[in-house]
Protein backbone atom coordinates (compact mmCIF):
# COMPACT_ATOMS: atom_id res chain seq x y z
CA MET A 1 8.76 5.16 -2.86
CA ALA A 2 6.71 5.93 -4.82
CA GLY A 3 4.03 6.85 -1.95
CA GLY A 4 6.20 9.02 0.71
CA TRP A 5 7.83 7.66 3.35
CA PHE A 6 5.72 7.33 6.35
CA GLU A 7 6.37 6.63 10.29
CA THR A 8 3.39 4.46 10.88
CA VAL A 9 0.92 2.40 9.70
CA ALA A 10 -1.47 4.90 10.57
CA GLU A 11 0.16 7.67 8.22
CA ALA A 12 0.43 4.66 5.38
CA GLN A 13 -3.86 4.57 5.80
CA ARG A 14 -3.93 8.56 5.95
CA ARG A 15 -2.36 8.61 2.66
CA ALA A 16 -4.13 5.41 1.52
CA LYS A 17 -7.34 7.08 1.41
CA ARG A 18 -6.39 9.59 -0.31
CA ARG A 19 -5.26 7.56 -2.91
CA LEU A 20 -7.65 5.35 -3.86
CA PRO A 21 -11.35 5.65 -4.37
CA ALA A 22 -13.86 6.90 -1.89
CA SER A 23 -15.42 2.55 -2.64
CA VAL A 24 -12.57 0.93 -2.79
CA TYR A 25 -10.93 2.19 0.54
CA ALA A 26 -14.93 1.83 1.95
CA ALA A 27 -14.25 -1.56 1.00
CA LEU A 28 -11.60 -1.65 2.44
CA ILE A 29 -12.22 -0.37 5.61
CA ALA A 30 -15.49 -3.04 5.64
CA GLY A 31 -16.75 -3.50 9.12
CA SER A 32 -19.92 -4.96 10.41
CA GLU A 33 -23.31 -2.87 11.25
CA LYS A 34 -22.23 -0.20 13.95
CA GLY A 35 -19.05 -1.47 13.76
CA VAL A 36 -18.31 -1.92 17.54
CA THR A 37 -15.99 -5.00 16.32
CA LEU A 38 -13.64 -3.09 14.11
CA ASP A 39 -13.33 -0.55 16.54
CA ASP A 40 -12.35 -2.81 19.48
CA ASN A 41 -10.16 -4.79 17.83
CA VAL A 42 -7.78 -1.32 18.07
CA ALA A 43 -8.49 0.10 21.21
CA ALA A 44 -8.58 -2.77 23.13
CA PHE A 45 -4.57 -3.17 23.09
CA SER A 46 -4.36 0.57 24.59
CA GLU A 47 -6.00 -0.42 27.46
CA LEU A 48 -2.11 -2.25 28.27
CA GLY A 49 0.75 -1.07 28.59
CA PHE A 50 4.31 -1.64 29.89
CA ALA A 51 6.63 -1.23 32.74
CA PRO A 52 10.04 -1.18 31.27
CA HIS A 53 13.35 -1.50 32.90
CA VAL A 54 15.57 1.08 33.12
CA ALA A 55 19.05 -0.91 33.35
CA GLY A 56 20.65 -4.16 32.68
CA LEU A 57 18.99 -3.97 29.19
CA ALA A 58 20.22 -6.62 26.22
CA ALA A 59 22.06 -4.76 22.91
CA LYS A 60 20.62 -7.36 20.51
CA ARG A 61 16.59 -8.71 20.30
CA GLU A 62 15.97 -11.99 18.30
CA LEU A 63 13.06 -11.71 16.35
CA ALA A 64 12.51 -14.41 14.37
CA THR A 65 10.39 -17.04 14.64
CA THR A 66 8.71 -19.88 13.36
CA VAL A 67 4.93 -20.14 11.91
CA MET A 68 3.11 -23.18 11.16
CA GLY A 69 7.25 -24.86 10.03
CA GLN A 70 8.08 -21.40 8.27
CA PRO A 71 10.98 -19.99 9.87
CA VAL A 72 9.86 -16.41 10.14
CA SER A 73 12.45 -13.23 10.06
CA LEU A 74 9.67 -11.39 12.58
CA PRO A 75 5.98 -12.49 14.30
CA VAL A 76 4.22 -10.95 11.47
CA ILE A 77 2.83 -12.59 8.81
CA MET A 78 0.62 -11.27 6.17
CA SER A 79 -3.26 -12.82 6.27
CA PRO A 80 -5.49 -13.33 3.56
CA THR A 81 -7.14 -11.05 1.87
CA GLY A 82 -10.00 -10.57 -1.00
CA VAL A 83 -9.24 -8.96 -4.21
CA GLN A 84 -7.30 -6.08 -4.40
CA ALA A 85 -7.86 -4.00 -6.52
CA VAL A 86 -6.05 -1.53 -5.21
CA HIS A 87 -3.35 -1.79 -6.96
CA PRO A 88 -1.92 -3.74 -10.04
CA GLY A 89 0.55 -6.12 -7.81
CA GLY A 90 -1.76 -7.42 -6.35
CA GLU A 91 -0.97 -10.96 -4.30
CA VAL A 92 2.12 -11.03 -6.67
CA ALA A 93 3.08 -8.10 -4.93
CA VAL A 94 2.24 -9.12 -1.17
CA ALA A 95 4.68 -12.20 -1.84
CA ARG A 96 7.50 -10.85 -3.58
CA ALA A 97 7.32 -7.97 -0.22
CA GLY A 98 7.31 -10.90 1.84
CA ALA A 99 9.81 -13.00 0.27
CA ALA A 100 12.03 -9.25 0.70
CA ARG A 101 11.06 -9.45 4.32
CA GLY A 102 11.40 -13.31 5.44
CA THR A 103 7.83 -13.62 6.14
CA ALA A 104 5.27 -15.82 5.31
CA ILE A 105 1.29 -15.32 3.55
CA GLY A 106 -1.36 -16.04 3.25
CA LEU A 107 -3.42 -16.26 -0.28
CA SER A 108 -7.03 -16.25 -0.36
CA SER A 109 -9.02 -18.02 -2.30
CA PHE A 110 -11.10 -14.69 -3.21
CA ALA A 111 -6.91 -13.62 -4.22
CA SER A 112 -7.53 -11.94 -7.84
CA MET A 113 -4.16 -13.87 -8.50
CA PRO A 114 -3.65 -17.59 -9.25
CA VAL A 115 -1.88 -19.08 -6.19
CA GLU A 116 0.63 -20.67 -9.34
CA GLU A 117 1.78 -17.33 -9.74
CA VAL A 118 2.15 -16.43 -6.26
CA VAL A 119 3.94 -19.55 -5.24
CA ALA A 120 6.19 -18.81 -7.46
CA ALA A 121 6.65 -14.96 -6.28
CA ASN A 122 6.63 -16.25 -2.36
CA PRO A 123 7.03 -19.89 -1.63
CA GLN A 124 6.33 -19.22 1.90
CA THR A 125 2.47 -19.26 1.12
CA PHE A 126 -0.27 -21.14 2.92
CA PHE A 127 -3.51 -21.03 0.95
CA GLN A 128 -6.89 -19.60 2.60
CA ALA A 129 -10.25 -21.86 1.78
CA TYR A 130 -13.50 -20.97 2.99
CA TRP A 131 -16.11 -24.27 3.04
CA ILE A 132 -17.37 -23.96 -0.07
CA GLY A 133 -19.40 -26.43 -2.53
CA THR A 134 -19.67 -29.67 -2.09
CA ARG A 135 -16.68 -31.63 -0.76
CA ASP A 136 -15.04 -33.17 -4.03
CA GLN A 137 -14.96 -29.36 -4.85
CA MET A 138 -13.37 -28.58 -1.90
CA LEU A 139 -10.66 -31.14 -2.31
CA ALA A 140 -10.04 -29.78 -6.05
CA ARG A 141 -9.19 -26.49 -4.85
CA LEU A 142 -6.83 -28.51 -2.09
CA GLU A 143 -5.34 -30.27 -4.44
CA ARG A 144 -4.58 -27.23 -7.21
CA ALA A 145 -2.91 -25.59 -3.83
CA ARG A 146 -0.99 -28.79 -2.84
CA ALA A 147 0.31 -28.98 -6.53
CA ALA A 148 1.62 -25.47 -6.84
CA GLY A 149 3.75 -26.20 -4.08
CA VAL A 150 1.79 -24.36 -0.94
CA ALA A 151 3.60 -24.21 2.60
CA GLY A 152 0.79 -25.21 4.26
CA LEU A 153 -3.26 -24.69 4.68
CA ILE A 154 -5.29 -22.03 6.61
CA VAL A 155 -9.37 -23.00 6.60
CA THR A 156 -11.40 -19.40 7.60
CA LEU A 157 -14.29 -20.22 9.61
CA ASP A 158 -14.81 -16.62 10.96
CA TRP A 159 -17.28 -14.77 8.93
CA SER A 160 -20.62 -15.16 9.07
CA PHE A 161 -22.52 -12.42 6.18
CA SER A 162 -22.55 -8.56 7.38
CA ASN A 163 -26.40 -8.33 6.43
CA GLY A 164 -24.88 -3.96 6.05
CA ARG A 165 -22.67 -1.56 7.76
CA ASP A 166 -24.34 2.00 9.85
CA TRP A 167 -22.03 4.34 7.56
CA GLY A 168 -23.67 2.56 4.59
CA SER A 169 -21.87 -0.78 2.10
CA PRO A 170 -19.65 0.55 -0.62
CA MET A 171 -20.29 0.12 -3.84
CA ILE A 172 -18.69 -2.63 -5.38
CA PRO A 173 -19.50 -3.56 -9.21
CA GLU A 174 -19.41 -7.48 -10.46
CA ARG A 175 -18.07 -6.65 -13.18
CA LEU A 176 -15.73 -3.18 -14.65
CA ASP A 177 -17.74 -3.38 -17.96
CA LEU A 178 -18.15 0.55 -20.13
CA ARG A 179 -21.69 1.13 -18.11
CA THR A 180 -20.30 0.32 -14.75
CA MET A 181 -16.87 2.41 -15.54
CA ILE A 182 -19.18 5.61 -16.98
CA ARG A 183 -21.24 5.67 -13.42
CA MET A 184 -17.64 5.26 -11.44
CA ALA A 185 -15.75 7.82 -13.59
CA PRO A 186 -15.95 10.53 -10.80
CA GLN A 187 -14.20 9.05 -8.51
CA GLY A 188 -11.26 7.19 -10.50
CA LEU A 189 -10.84 11.11 -11.73
CA THR A 190 -10.62 11.67 -8.38
CA ARG A 191 -7.78 9.55 -7.85
CA PRO A 192 -5.85 9.93 -10.78
CA GLY A 193 -2.61 8.99 -9.59
CA TRP A 194 -4.62 5.44 -8.94
CA LEU A 195 -6.40 5.31 -12.20
CA LEU A 196 -2.35 5.92 -13.36
CA ASP A 197 -0.80 2.56 -11.97
CA TRP A 198 -3.64 0.27 -13.67
CA ALA A 199 -3.32 2.67 -16.59
CA ARG A 200 0.45 1.60 -16.86
CA THR A 201 -0.34 -2.09 -17.10
CA GLY A 202 -3.45 -1.62 -20.00
CA HIS A 203 -6.33 -2.71 -18.28
CA LEU A 204 -8.41 -2.45 -15.22
CA PRO A 205 -9.20 -4.73 -12.38
CA ALA A 206 -11.15 -7.70 -13.48
CA LEU A 207 -12.70 -8.24 -10.37
CA THR A 208 -12.94 -12.40 -10.38
CA VAL A 209 -11.02 -15.49 -8.29
CA PRO A 210 -8.80 -17.87 -10.58
CA ASN A 211 -8.78 -20.30 -7.88
CA MET A 212 -11.71 -20.44 -7.56
CA ALA A 213 -12.99 -21.90 -10.63
CA GLY A 214 -12.67 -25.47 -11.57
CA PRO A 215 -10.99 -27.69 -14.04
CA GLY A 216 -10.81 -26.13 -17.64
CA GLU A 217 -13.31 -23.28 -16.22
CA PRO A 218 -12.82 -19.40 -16.84
CA ALA A 219 -12.30 -17.64 -13.27
CA PRO A 220 -15.75 -16.81 -11.23
CA THR A 221 -16.39 -13.42 -10.38
CA PHE A 222 -16.39 -12.34 -7.02
CA PHE A 223 -19.84 -12.49 -6.59
CA GLY A 224 -20.42 -15.45 -8.33
CA ALA A 225 -17.88 -17.12 -6.05
CA TYR A 226 -19.55 -14.82 -2.97
CA GLY A 227 -22.82 -16.53 -4.19
CA GLN A 228 -21.95 -19.70 -4.02
CA TRP A 229 -20.21 -19.52 -0.77
CA MET A 230 -23.64 -18.52 0.54
CA GLY A 231 -25.71 -20.96 -0.52
CA SER A 232 -23.06 -24.02 0.74
CA PRO A 233 -23.83 -25.55 3.75
CA LEU A 234 -22.31 -24.69 7.07
CA PRO A 235 -19.36 -27.28 7.96
CA SER A 236 -19.22 -29.28 11.27
CA TRP A 237 -16.64 -30.51 13.70
CA ASP A 238 -16.67 -34.14 11.71
CA ASP A 239 -16.20 -31.61 8.24
CA VAL A 240 -13.15 -30.16 9.67
CA ARG A 241 -11.46 -33.04 11.12
CA TRP A 242 -12.06 -34.90 7.18
CA LEU A 243 -10.49 -31.84 5.45
CA ARG A 244 -7.78 -32.01 7.96
CA GLU A 245 -7.13 -35.59 7.51
CA GLN A 246 -7.16 -34.47 3.28
CA TRP A 247 -4.52 -31.92 3.97
CA GLY A 248 -2.62 -34.09 5.69
CA GLY A 249 0.04 -30.97 5.95
CA PRO A 250 0.17 -28.07 8.66
CA PHE A 251 -3.48 -26.50 8.84
CA LEU A 252 -4.66 -23.61 10.94
CA LEU A 253 -8.18 -22.43 11.78
CA LYS A 254 -8.79 -19.26 11.23
CA GLY A 255 -11.74 -17.69 13.36
CA VAL A 256 -12.04 -19.08 16.93
CA THR A 257 -12.60 -16.75 19.82
CA ARG A 258 -14.10 -19.30 22.34
CA VAL A 259 -12.38 -22.07 24.47
CA ASP A 260 -14.29 -24.56 23.57
CA ASP A 261 -13.57 -24.21 20.14
CA ALA A 262 -10.01 -24.06 20.30
CA LYS A 263 -10.17 -27.79 22.36
CA GLN A 264 -12.28 -28.89 19.62
CA ALA A 265 -10.00 -27.49 16.49
CA VAL A 266 -6.73 -29.81 18.90
CA ASP A 267 -9.18 -32.66 18.80
CA ALA A 268 -9.73 -32.31 15.01
CA GLY A 269 -5.33 -32.14 15.03
CA VAL A 270 -5.14 -28.73 13.26
CA THR A 271 -1.76 -27.32 13.41
CA ALA A 272 -2.72 -24.08 14.83
CA ILE A 273 -5.61 -21.96 15.36
CA SER A 274 -5.74 -18.43 14.63
CA VAL A 275 -7.88 -16.00 16.91
CA SER A 276 -9.68 -14.20 14.77
CA ASN A 277 -13.06 -12.52 13.91
CA HIS A 278 -12.24 -11.20 10.45
CA GLY A 279 -11.58 -8.06 10.79
CA GLY A 280 -14.47 -6.61 12.86
CA ASN A 281 -16.39 -8.13 9.48
CA ASN A 282 -18.22 -11.24 11.37
CA LEU A 283 -21.17 -11.00 14.07
CA ASP A 284 -20.70 -7.55 15.48
CA GLY A 285 -20.58 -7.30 18.75
CA THR A 286 -18.02 -10.06 19.36
CA PRO A 287 -14.87 -9.63 21.65
CA ALA A 288 -11.79 -7.89 19.79
CA THR A 289 -8.77 -10.30 19.77
CA ILE A 290 -6.53 -9.32 22.02
CA ARG A 291 -9.32 -9.76 24.69
CA ALA A 292 -9.97 -13.20 24.09
CA LEU A 293 -6.13 -14.94 23.05
CA PRO A 294 -4.92 -14.97 26.76
CA ALA A 295 -8.08 -17.50 27.30
CA VAL A 296 -7.99 -19.45 24.48
CA ALA A 297 -3.97 -19.38 24.54
CA GLY A 298 -4.00 -20.82 28.26
CA ALA A 299 -6.16 -23.21 27.29
CA VAL A 300 -4.65 -24.24 23.83
CA GLY A 301 -1.34 -22.84 23.65
CA GLY A 302 1.17 -26.00 24.79
CA GLN A 303 -0.61 -28.23 21.90
CA ILE A 304 -0.69 -26.28 19.18
CA GLU A 305 0.26 -22.79 17.57
CA VAL A 306 -1.92 -20.02 18.62
CA LEU A 307 -2.14 -16.29 16.42
CA LEU A 308 -3.41 -13.41 16.73
CA ASP A 309 -5.40 -11.95 14.53
CA GLY A 310 -7.38 -8.51 14.16
CA GLY A 311 -6.36 -4.85 15.54
CA VAL A 312 -2.40 -5.06 14.99
CA ARG A 313 -1.21 -1.50 13.85
CA ARG A 314 1.56 -1.68 15.73
CA GLY A 315 4.86 -2.86 16.84
CA SER A 316 3.80 -2.59 20.75
CA ASP A 317 0.47 -4.24 19.23
CA VAL A 318 2.60 -7.25 18.23
CA VAL A 319 4.49 -7.87 21.37
CA LYS A 320 1.65 -7.66 23.59
CA ALA A 321 -0.11 -9.90 21.93
CA LEU A 322 2.82 -12.40 22.00
CA ALA A 323 3.17 -11.63 24.98
CA LEU A 324 -0.09 -13.02 25.97
CA GLY A 325 0.62 -16.36 24.16
CA ALA A 326 0.06 -15.52 20.52
CA LYS A 327 3.53 -16.99 18.24
CA ALA A 328 2.82 -14.56 16.10
CA VAL A 329 0.19 -11.95 14.36
CA GLY A 330 -1.32 -11.33 11.26
CA ILE A 331 -2.02 -8.42 9.47
CA GLY A 332 -4.31 -7.76 6.76
CA ARG A 333 -5.46 -3.69 6.61
CA PRO A 334 -1.83 -2.51 7.17
CA TYR A 335 -0.29 -4.19 4.32
CA VAL A 336 -3.36 -3.45 2.03
CA TYR A 337 -2.99 0.20 2.69
CA GLY A 338 1.89 -0.10 1.96
CA LEU A 339 0.21 -2.10 -1.75
CA ALA A 340 -2.07 0.87 -2.67
CA LEU A 341 0.83 3.22 -1.74
CA ASP A 342 3.63 1.81 -3.46
CA GLY A 343 3.02 -1.65 -4.38
CA ALA A 344 5.53 -4.30 -3.46
CA ASP A 345 8.35 -1.80 -1.62
CA GLY A 346 5.14 -0.22 0.29
CA ILE A 347 4.21 -3.54 2.30
CA VAL A 348 8.22 -3.60 2.97
CA HIS A 349 7.57 -0.22 4.54
CA VAL A 350 4.67 -1.25 6.80
CA LEU A 351 6.44 -4.76 7.61
CA ARG A 352 9.55 -2.19 8.79
CA CYS A 353 7.61 0.41 10.89
CA LEU A 354 5.99 -2.89 12.73
CA LEU A 355 9.27 -4.41 13.04
CA ALA A 356 11.29 -1.46 14.35
CA GLU A 357 8.84 0.13 16.75
CA ALA A 358 8.66 -4.32 18.09
CA ASP A 359 12.68 -4.66 17.95
CA LEU A 360 12.86 -0.63 19.98
CA LEU A 361 9.66 -1.70 22.45
CA MET A 362 11.62 -5.20 23.46
CA ALA A 363 14.85 -3.39 23.87
CA VAL A 364 13.85 -0.46 26.40
CA ASP A 365 11.11 -3.00 28.38
CA GLY A 366 14.27 -5.68 28.84
CA TYR A 367 13.26 -8.64 26.47
CA PRO A 368 15.87 -9.70 24.78
CA THR A 369 13.86 -12.39 22.49
CA LEU A 370 10.70 -13.72 21.60
CA ALA A 371 10.25 -16.12 24.32
CA ASP A 372 10.68 -13.88 27.10
CA LEU A 373 7.89 -11.99 26.56
CA THR A 374 5.42 -13.20 29.02
CA PRO A 375 1.93 -11.52 30.77
CA ASP A 376 4.53 -9.95 33.29
CA ALA A 377 5.88 -7.50 30.40
CA LEU A 378 2.84 -6.32 30.61
CA ARG A 379 0.29 -3.61 32.91
CA ARG A 380 -3.28 -2.28 32.62
CA SER A 381 -3.46 1.38 31.76
CA GLY A 382 -2.73 3.36 34.86
CA VAL A 383 -1.30 0.31 36.96
CA GLY A 384 2.71 0.38 37.54
CA ASP A 385 4.12 -1.63 40.43
């Protein structure tokens, strides 16, 4: 690997921080306000432990499952993340890595690469949409995704526009024009490996979002599309129901943390929900997703698929989420760290780390299949039989 072999996601993150310009890394970490939810998403997993068996353990484990009808080799999919300027491969590299490891990806409507190119690299692509613009504009974007052959739709409702961060928000330009490049040159020159990746392509990040363009229109800038998003009316449950009817296929609603919202989603006819707080980028102080998961899964898990998104950094986190009722988990920052280090190969290695950790834990804990995982597999830290 060009970025070097690493043992864990934590090491991938440390190396990504050393490789990326400060503002790019800060945009990746993001978070909202004080960062309470950002930190708790990760920390809450550490409150859960295991009580491993010592004999009668299975020689082999089966970690394959399905997500919205798509067979995946491990219960981890890659969640949609916005403009991926951490590496020239961008979302196509993410798609290739997912295909190489036999899993699905989510493609953000704020992605830097067209949906057609991404689906060509991995047909197991779910297209993600925010509620932006009019119903006609929403349908136009969805019909383009459908024509490209996406496997399903993700509608994200879990972001409420963070107003600031206590540690400061990164400087993200709208365009990389000459003036901006001069201003950002000191950051780039301290990260020659990142600059060289882009220099080999002959261009710099465009910072546009082609999947938000209307028919025959040029791709808007990230902030142009973001401005349209902030100016759009907030969707109602009737809007969600209408969009579900228009789409017709697999449909995941992302951003659910409450039982009453989960029940409303079931009534709206969704295929799946993702317990998510947008990785801590939503309203600060909302619960860590692993804290919200048990109640939501207990209320609707028998009717629709329930996924968890947020805070997953280890294979043990994957196992914990599945034991508490998730069908699979989504990861965001971890695979972007891998992307920053070595494109598709870096992402493949992140997935390999998670799979190896999860497989070892299930072996030691004595659970041969994902279906065997129940809350009984877990203990609160410091508590045993």
